[in-house]
Protein backbone atom coordinates (compact mmCIF):
# COMPACT_ATOMS: atom_id res chain seq x y z
CA UNK A 1 -9.73 42.21 -33.46
CA UNK A 2 -7.14 41.72 -36.22
CA UNK A 3 -4.35 43.34 -34.21
CA UNK A 4 -4.83 40.69 -31.49
CA UNK A 5 -4.51 37.69 -33.81
CA UNK A 6 -1.35 35.84 -34.82
CA UNK A 7 -0.13 35.98 -38.43
CA UNK A 8 -1.03 32.36 -39.07
CA UNK A 9 -4.62 33.10 -38.06
CA UNK A 10 -4.80 36.29 -40.12
CA UNK A 11 -3.61 34.39 -43.18
CA UNK A 12 -6.60 32.08 -42.88
CA UNK A 13 -9.32 34.37 -41.55
CA UNK A 14 -8.67 38.06 -42.23
CA UNK A 15 -10.70 39.98 -44.78
CA UNK A 16 -13.37 37.41 -45.58
CA UNK A 17 -16.86 38.75 -46.33
CA UNK A 18 -19.62 36.21 -46.83
CA UNK A 19 -22.58 36.63 -49.15
CA UNK A 20 -26.18 35.87 -48.26
CA UNK A 21 -25.38 32.20 -48.90
CA UNK A 22 -22.87 32.09 -45.99
CA UNK A 23 -20.23 30.22 -47.98
CA UNK A 24 -17.29 28.91 -45.93
CA UNK A 25 -14.69 29.38 -48.68
CA UNK A 26 -14.24 32.86 -50.13
CA UNK A 27 -16.57 33.51 -53.05
CA UNK A 28 -15.17 34.11 -56.54
CA UNK A 29 -16.98 37.03 -58.15
CA UNK A 30 -16.39 36.76 -61.89
CA UNK A 31 -18.14 39.88 -63.09
CA UNK A 32 -17.01 43.00 -64.88
CA UNK A 33 -19.82 45.28 -63.70
CA UNK A 34 -22.51 45.65 -61.02
CA UNK A 35 -26.22 46.45 -61.15
CA UNK A 36 -27.60 49.47 -59.25
CA UNK A 37 -31.04 49.84 -57.68
CA UNK A 38 -31.66 53.10 -59.49
CA UNK A 39 -30.01 55.95 -61.39
CA UNK A 40 -29.33 57.91 -58.20
CA UNK A 41 -27.40 55.02 -56.66
CA UNK A 42 -25.40 54.60 -59.88
CA UNK A 43 -24.52 58.30 -59.90
CA UNK A 44 -23.51 58.21 -56.22
CA UNK A 45 -21.27 55.14 -56.72
CA UNK A 46 -19.61 56.56 -59.82
CA UNK A 47 -19.14 59.92 -58.14
CA UNK A 48 -17.63 58.42 -55.00
CA UNK A 49 -20.21 59.79 -52.58
CA UNK A 50 -21.51 56.28 -51.82
CA UNK A 51 -19.50 53.16 -51.05
CA UNK A 52 -19.88 50.01 -53.10
CA UNK A 53 -18.74 48.16 -56.18
CA UNK A 54 -18.70 50.05 -59.49
CA UNK A 55 -16.51 48.25 -62.03
CA UNK A 56 -14.07 45.38 -61.56
CA UNK A 57 -11.19 47.37 -63.00
CA UNK A 58 -10.93 48.96 -59.55
CA UNK A 59 -13.60 47.42 -57.28
CA UNK A 60 -14.37 43.72 -56.87
CA UNK A 61 -15.41 41.73 -53.77
CA UNK A 62 -12.86 38.93 -54.25
CA UNK A 63 -10.02 41.37 -54.89
CA UNK A 64 -11.13 43.40 -51.87
CA UNK A 65 -10.90 40.30 -49.65
CA UNK A 66 -7.34 39.68 -50.84
CA UNK A 67 -6.41 43.31 -50.24
CA UNK A 68 -7.88 43.32 -46.73
CA UNK A 69 -6.20 40.04 -45.78
CA UNK A 70 -2.77 41.12 -46.99
CA UNK A 71 -3.18 44.51 -45.27
CA UNK A 72 -3.90 42.69 -42.01
CA UNK A 73 -0.77 40.56 -42.45
CA UNK A 74 1.45 43.57 -43.18
CA UNK A 75 -0.12 45.75 -40.51
CA UNK A 76 -1.08 48.26 -43.20
CA UNK A 77 -3.94 50.71 -43.27
CA UNK A 78 -4.51 50.18 -46.97
CA UNK A 79 -3.72 47.76 -49.80
CA UNK A 80 -4.26 48.04 -53.53
CA UNK A 81 -3.79 44.89 -55.63
CA UNK A 82 -2.29 44.98 -59.12
CA UNK A 83 -1.88 42.62 -62.07
CA UNK A 84 1.76 41.78 -61.24
CA UNK A 85 4.65 42.74 -59.00
CA UNK A 86 6.11 44.98 -61.70
CA UNK A 87 2.71 46.67 -62.06
CA UNK A 88 2.85 47.37 -58.32
CA UNK A 89 6.24 49.08 -58.67
CA UNK A 90 5.01 51.01 -61.71
CA UNK A 91 1.89 52.14 -59.82
CA UNK A 92 4.04 53.32 -56.92
CA UNK A 93 6.22 55.35 -59.29
CA UNK A 94 3.37 56.78 -61.36
CA UNK A 95 1.41 57.90 -58.30
CA UNK A 96 4.27 59.41 -56.32
CA UNK A 97 6.71 60.67 -58.99
CA UNK A 98 6.60 63.28 -61.74
CA UNK A 99 8.98 64.61 -64.38
CA UNK A 100 12.01 66.18 -62.74
CA UNK A 101 11.92 63.96 -59.65
CA UNK A 102 14.83 61.85 -58.46
CA UNK A 103 14.89 58.28 -57.10
CA UNK A 104 17.57 56.63 -54.99
CA UNK A 105 17.41 52.89 -55.60
CA UNK A 106 19.38 49.92 -54.33
CA UNK A 107 21.72 48.53 -56.98
CA UNK A 108 20.71 45.03 -55.85
CA UNK A 109 17.14 44.86 -57.09
CA UNK A 110 15.42 42.66 -59.65
CA UNK A 111 16.70 43.31 -63.18
CA UNK A 112 13.26 44.32 -64.48
CA UNK A 113 13.02 46.93 -61.73
CA UNK A 114 16.23 48.55 -62.97
CA UNK A 115 14.89 48.45 -66.52
CA UNK A 116 11.68 50.12 -65.37
CA UNK A 117 13.49 52.98 -63.65
CA UNK A 118 16.09 53.43 -66.41
CA UNK A 119 14.38 52.84 -69.73
CA UNK A 120 10.75 53.70 -68.97
CA UNK A 121 10.65 56.26 -66.16
CA UNK A 122 13.87 57.78 -67.47
CA UNK A 123 12.13 58.69 -70.73
CA UNK A 124 9.60 60.71 -68.74
CA UNK A 125 12.14 62.78 -66.86
CA UNK A 126 12.58 60.72 -63.69
CA UNK A 127 16.25 60.17 -62.86
CA UNK A 128 17.51 57.27 -60.72
CA UNK A 129 20.76 56.90 -58.78
CA UNK A 130 21.88 53.44 -57.66
CA UNK A 131 23.63 52.75 -54.37
CA UNK A 132 24.60 49.80 -52.22
CA UNK A 133 21.69 48.48 -50.15
CA UNK A 134 23.95 48.06 -47.12
CA UNK A 135 25.94 51.32 -47.10
CA UNK A 136 23.77 53.98 -45.49
CA UNK A 137 26.30 56.70 -46.30
CA UNK A 138 25.80 56.09 -50.03
CA UNK A 139 22.07 56.76 -49.68
CA UNK A 140 22.80 59.96 -47.76
CA UNK A 141 25.29 61.19 -50.38
CA UNK A 142 22.90 60.38 -53.26
CA UNK A 143 20.09 62.58 -51.89
CA UNK A 144 19.22 65.68 -53.93
CA UNK A 145 16.74 68.47 -53.42
CA UNK A 146 14.37 66.72 -55.84
CA UNK A 147 14.71 63.21 -54.33
CA UNK A 148 11.20 61.86 -53.76
CA UNK A 149 11.59 58.09 -53.42
CA UNK A 150 13.94 55.51 -51.87
CA UNK A 151 13.41 52.00 -53.27
CA UNK A 152 14.98 48.73 -52.17
CA UNK A 153 14.55 44.98 -51.81
CA UNK A 154 15.69 43.32 -48.62
CA UNK A 155 16.97 40.66 -48.70
CA UNK A 156 18.21 41.54 -52.17
CA UNK A 157 17.90 39.48 -55.32
CA UNK A 158 20.01 37.38 -55.81
CA UNK A 159 22.77 37.99 -53.21
CA UNK A 160 20.43 38.21 -50.19
CA UNK A 161 22.05 41.41 -48.91
CA UNK A 162 20.07 42.77 -45.95
CA UNK A 163 19.38 46.50 -45.75
CA UNK A 164 18.75 48.28 -42.46
CA UNK A 165 15.15 49.41 -43.02
CA UNK A 166 14.91 51.53 -39.86
CA UNK A 167 18.13 53.39 -40.65
CA UNK A 168 17.10 54.04 -44.25
CA UNK A 169 13.68 55.21 -43.08
CA UNK A 170 15.37 57.89 -41.00
CA UNK A 171 17.50 59.03 -43.97
CA UNK A 172 14.46 59.10 -46.26
CA UNK A 173 12.42 61.09 -43.75
CA UNK A 174 15.16 63.69 -43.33
CA UNK A 175 15.33 64.00 -47.13
CA UNK A 176 11.56 64.38 -47.47
CA UNK A 177 11.37 61.20 -49.52
CA UNK A 178 9.19 58.11 -49.28
CA UNK A 179 10.78 54.74 -48.48
CA UNK A 180 9.33 51.84 -50.50
CA UNK A 181 10.42 48.31 -49.62
CA UNK A 182 9.92 45.27 -51.85
CA UNK A 183 9.09 42.55 -49.30
CA UNK A 184 8.85 39.66 -51.75
CA UNK A 185 11.60 37.48 -50.24
CA UNK A 186 10.42 37.65 -46.63
CA UNK A 187 6.68 38.24 -46.89
CA UNK A 188 4.95 39.64 -43.77
CA UNK A 189 5.51 36.30 -42.05
CA UNK A 190 9.23 37.05 -41.68
CA UNK A 191 9.38 40.86 -41.96
CA UNK A 192 7.01 43.83 -41.68
CA UNK A 193 8.75 46.90 -43.16
CA UNK A 194 5.99 49.33 -42.15
CA UNK A 195 6.67 48.66 -38.47
CA UNK A 196 10.34 49.51 -39.12
CA UNK A 197 9.56 52.90 -40.63
CA UNK A 198 8.92 52.19 -44.32
CA UNK A 199 6.16 54.22 -45.98
CA UNK A 200 5.21 51.75 -48.71
CA UNK A 201 5.52 47.97 -49.08
CA UNK A 202 5.46 46.36 -52.53
CA UNK A 203 4.77 42.68 -53.28
CA UNK A 204 5.01 40.42 -56.25
CA UNK A 205 2.16 38.17 -55.15
CA UNK A 206 3.23 35.84 -57.97
CA UNK A 207 5.95 34.56 -55.64
CA UNK A 208 5.39 33.40 -52.05
CA UNK A 209 1.90 34.82 -51.57
CA UNK A 210 0.64 32.38 -54.19
CA UNK A 211 3.35 29.87 -53.38
CA UNK A 212 2.63 27.41 -56.14
CA UNK A 213 3.52 29.27 -59.32
CA UNK A 214 -0.04 29.52 -60.57
CA UNK A 215 -1.01 33.14 -61.16
CA UNK A 216 0.37 36.65 -61.54
CA UNK A 217 -0.37 39.36 -59.01
CA UNK A 218 1.03 42.30 -57.10
CA UNK A 219 0.17 44.66 -54.27
CA UNK A 220 1.08 48.02 -52.78
CA UNK A 221 0.52 48.66 -49.08
CA UNK A 222 0.77 51.63 -46.74
CA UNK A 223 -1.25 54.51 -45.34
CA UNK A 224 -4.56 55.23 -47.02
CA UNK A 225 -3.38 58.68 -48.10
CA UNK A 226 -0.38 57.13 -49.89
CA UNK A 227 -1.98 53.97 -51.26
CA UNK A 228 -5.74 53.48 -51.03
CA UNK A 229 -6.92 56.80 -52.38
CA UNK A 230 -4.38 57.74 -55.09
CA UNK A 231 -3.65 54.21 -56.32
CA UNK A 232 -7.30 53.29 -56.68
CA UNK A 233 -7.65 56.35 -58.93
CA UNK A 234 -4.59 55.16 -60.88
CA UNK A 235 -6.06 51.66 -61.33
CA UNK A 236 -9.39 53.14 -62.36
CA UNK A 237 -7.69 55.18 -65.08
CA UNK A 238 -4.69 53.10 -66.18
CA UNK A 239 -6.04 49.61 -65.51
CA UNK A 240 -3.16 47.37 -64.22
CA UNK A 241 -5.81 45.43 -62.33
CA UNK A 242 -5.66 42.12 -60.48
CA UNK A 243 -8.25 39.73 -61.88
CA UNK A 244 -10.85 38.27 -59.49
CA UNK A 245 -9.76 34.73 -60.32
CA UNK A 246 -6.13 35.48 -59.52
CA UNK A 247 -7.20 37.21 -56.30
CA UNK A 248 -9.13 34.08 -55.30
CA UNK A 249 -6.10 31.87 -55.96
CA UNK A 250 -3.92 34.24 -53.94
CA UNK A 251 -6.38 34.11 -51.04
CA UNK A 252 -5.92 30.34 -51.00
CA UNK A 253 -2.15 30.88 -51.05
CA UNK A 254 -2.27 33.19 -48.04
CA UNK A 255 -3.96 30.47 -46.01
CA UNK A 256 -0.77 28.37 -46.02
CA UNK A 257 1.78 31.20 -46.22
CA UNK A 258 2.89 30.99 -42.59
CA UNK A 259 3.44 27.23 -42.75
CA UNK A 260 5.19 27.33 -46.12
CA UNK A 261 7.60 30.19 -45.56
CA UNK A 262 8.75 28.89 -42.18
CA UNK A 263 9.29 25.35 -43.49
CA UNK A 264 11.05 26.56 -46.64
CA UNK A 265 13.27 28.88 -44.62
CA UNK A 266 14.33 26.02 -42.34
CA UNK A 267 15.13 23.86 -45.37
CA UNK A 268 17.11 26.68 -47.00
CA UNK A 269 19.25 27.06 -43.88
CA UNK A 270 20.06 23.34 -43.91
CA UNK A 271 20.92 23.43 -47.62
CA UNK A 272 23.03 26.59 -47.23
CA UNK A 273 25.11 25.00 -44.46
CA UNK A 274 25.72 21.96 -46.65
CA UNK A 275 26.75 24.09 -49.64
CA UNK A 276 29.09 26.18 -47.51
CA UNK A 277 31.06 23.05 -46.68
CA UNK A 278 31.27 21.82 -50.28
CA UNK A 279 34.69 21.90 -51.95
CA UNK A 280 33.26 23.04 -55.30
CA UNK A 281 31.54 26.09 -53.79
CA UNK A 282 33.50 29.32 -53.36
CA UNK A 283 30.90 31.19 -51.33
CA UNK A 284 27.29 30.95 -50.15
CA UNK A 285 25.07 34.02 -49.82
CA UNK A 286 22.39 33.43 -47.20
CA UNK A 287 21.41 35.60 -44.19
CA UNK A 288 21.06 32.57 -41.93
CA UNK A 289 24.79 31.82 -42.09
CA UNK A 290 27.18 33.41 -39.61
CA UNK A 291 29.45 34.18 -42.58
CA UNK A 292 26.84 36.52 -44.08
CA UNK A 293 27.90 40.19 -43.64
CA UNK A 294 24.46 41.20 -42.32
CA UNK A 295 23.77 38.06 -40.31
CA UNK A 296 23.19 39.94 -37.03
CA UNK A 297 20.98 42.55 -38.71
CA UNK A 298 18.92 39.79 -40.32
CA UNK A 299 18.41 38.17 -36.92
CA UNK A 300 17.07 41.46 -35.54
CA UNK A 301 15.00 42.49 -38.53
CA UNK A 302 13.60 39.16 -39.76
CA UNK A 303 11.89 36.30 -37.97
CA UNK A 304 13.83 33.77 -40.10
CA UNK A 305 16.44 34.00 -42.89
CA UNK A 306 14.08 33.21 -45.78
CA UNK A 307 14.00 30.56 -48.49
CA UNK A 308 16.23 32.06 -51.19
CA UNK A 309 19.98 31.52 -51.31
CA UNK A 310 22.70 31.90 -53.89
CA UNK A 311 26.14 30.40 -54.18
CA UNK A 312 29.23 30.89 -56.32
CA UNK A 313 30.56 27.82 -58.09
CA UNK A 314 34.30 27.58 -58.66
CA UNK A 315 34.95 27.79 -62.39
CA UNK A 316 32.69 30.63 -63.49
CA UNK A 317 29.77 30.42 -65.92
CA UNK A 318 30.71 27.05 -67.42
CA UNK A 319 30.79 25.41 -64.00
CA UNK A 320 27.58 27.14 -62.89
CA UNK A 321 25.73 26.02 -66.02
CA UNK A 322 27.06 22.49 -65.53
CA UNK A 323 25.57 22.38 -62.02
CA UNK A 324 22.24 23.69 -63.25
CA UNK A 325 22.09 21.37 -66.25
CA UNK A 326 22.91 18.33 -64.11
CA UNK A 327 19.86 18.78 -61.88
CA UNK A 328 16.95 16.41 -62.42
CA UNK A 329 14.67 17.48 -59.57
CA UNK A 330 14.97 21.25 -59.40
CA UNK A 331 13.12 23.35 -61.96
CA UNK A 332 15.25 25.59 -64.15
CA UNK A 333 13.06 28.70 -64.12
CA UNK A 334 13.29 32.35 -63.19
CA UNK A 335 10.34 32.24 -60.81
CA UNK A 336 10.82 31.89 -57.07
CA UNK A 337 8.66 31.34 -54.01
CA UNK A 338 7.23 28.05 -55.29
CA UNK A 339 6.80 24.85 -53.27
CA UNK A 340 8.90 23.32 -56.05
CA UNK A 341 12.58 24.26 -55.72
CA UNK A 342 13.80 26.43 -58.59
CA UNK A 343 17.34 27.10 -59.83
CA UNK A 344 18.65 29.76 -62.21
CA UNK A 345 21.81 31.52 -63.42
CA UNK A 346 21.03 35.21 -62.67
CA UNK A 347 23.84 36.69 -64.79
CA UNK A 348 22.36 35.34 -68.02
CA UNK A 349 18.64 35.40 -67.18
CA UNK A 350 16.94 37.50 -64.49
CA UNK A 351 19.75 40.08 -64.53
CA UNK A 352 20.93 39.47 -68.08
CA UNK A 353 19.45 42.68 -69.52
CA UNK A 354 21.37 45.02 -67.25
CA UNK A 355 24.89 46.07 -68.21
CA UNK A 356 27.93 43.99 -67.24
CA UNK A 357 29.12 46.99 -65.22
CA UNK A 358 25.87 47.11 -63.27
CA UNK A 359 26.04 43.36 -62.63
CA UNK A 360 29.60 43.69 -61.40
CA UNK A 361 28.64 46.59 -59.12
CA UNK A 362 25.86 44.44 -57.67
CA UNK A 363 28.24 41.50 -57.11
CA UNK A 364 26.56 39.19 -59.62
CA UNK A 365 29.40 36.99 -60.83
CA UNK A 366 29.42 34.53 -63.72
CA UNK A 367 29.63 31.62 -61.31
CA UNK A 368 26.59 32.67 -59.27
CA UNK A 369 23.62 30.30 -58.99
CA UNK A 370 20.34 31.22 -57.25
CA UNK A 371 18.07 28.69 -55.60
CA UNK A 372 14.58 29.23 -54.22
CA UNK A 373 14.09 26.34 -51.83
CA UNK A 374 10.74 24.55 -51.93
CA UNK A 375 9.19 21.84 -49.82
CA UNK A 376 11.05 18.77 -51.11
CA UNK A 377 13.25 16.74 -48.76
CA UNK A 378 16.56 18.54 -48.27
CA UNK A 379 18.46 15.27 -48.78
CA UNK A 380 16.97 14.99 -52.27
CA UNK A 381 17.95 18.58 -53.07
CA UNK A 382 21.49 17.90 -51.91
CA UNK A 383 21.71 14.81 -54.12
CA UNK A 384 20.39 16.81 -57.06
CA UNK A 385 23.09 19.46 -56.65
CA UNK A 386 25.85 16.97 -55.91
CA UNK A 387 25.44 15.49 -59.38
CA UNK A 388 26.77 18.71 -60.93
CA UNK A 389 29.05 19.88 -58.15
CA UNK A 390 31.06 16.67 -58.20
């Protein structure tokens, strides 16, 4: 039935399992363990020969509902929820990589992702090469005999570069590597990477899936053989588990995801057009603008441009900080995907821990400002920015 329903309906209805009380809202199961009828049932559950809940570190009814709903939205066979988006990326790496393996990663990913690949996985013998998300030939040239994973965000953070998922899927397949796509900016409402050939989709549920900046969460989605079976074993052993309470909050977020992301995307397009015409702005990075290098690709690959944009203020860091500090409405915070508009200077915050050379290679200038557009009136957001721009 799920494959016949629209995304808006799936966000509200998919995955729900009611208890004997027939509650209308999803139940919140705050329990660490479960009681068995007898010793034989306990042994069968622990051994995996019988289905059912065992321990909340890797099985919980509320978490399972979130996993099933998100899987329905992404068109995935399997979903495993994690404690955060970074935990989801770590789980993907730990399950599918080993010492001596090689990763090809976009150079336009979240700063913490680069730190994870370089400083943590690197210590365990996993080497990573960084390439442009938009130049397919760089991915092809970076492939080695031991390449096991392609990893990218599209649109990228913070320049909103759009990678051709289908083209990269073909390159990854010919190399014998998995393609993992971080879908945090678009969510399944605007983009479904699995239908374009990706093997794995990663989410920071902290962002748009929650939508109101309340809880941490993450998820990994894909075929059961790649996700459900091996990652459940990883969660059972290593424990980067999504809490039942956070899963319940995220379920509530999914109910309004379709409405929110479409409205925020429309507002971002209006704000981006206004910024592009401002005399104090050197350039606007947003896939919805005709000036964006991958504008046509974004129109084919995404249902809408998304709600994140960045722009370069004339005058470098001092001018960018002046714009940010002059805001009274927008929240100066590194989070994104909130109904409250957020603003940040990526070069000194979210991407501040990577080297200046890496920032330059990724196009992150000192004058760059990133905005995640919320649900406020666009005219109020314009007035808030005008205070610093003028």
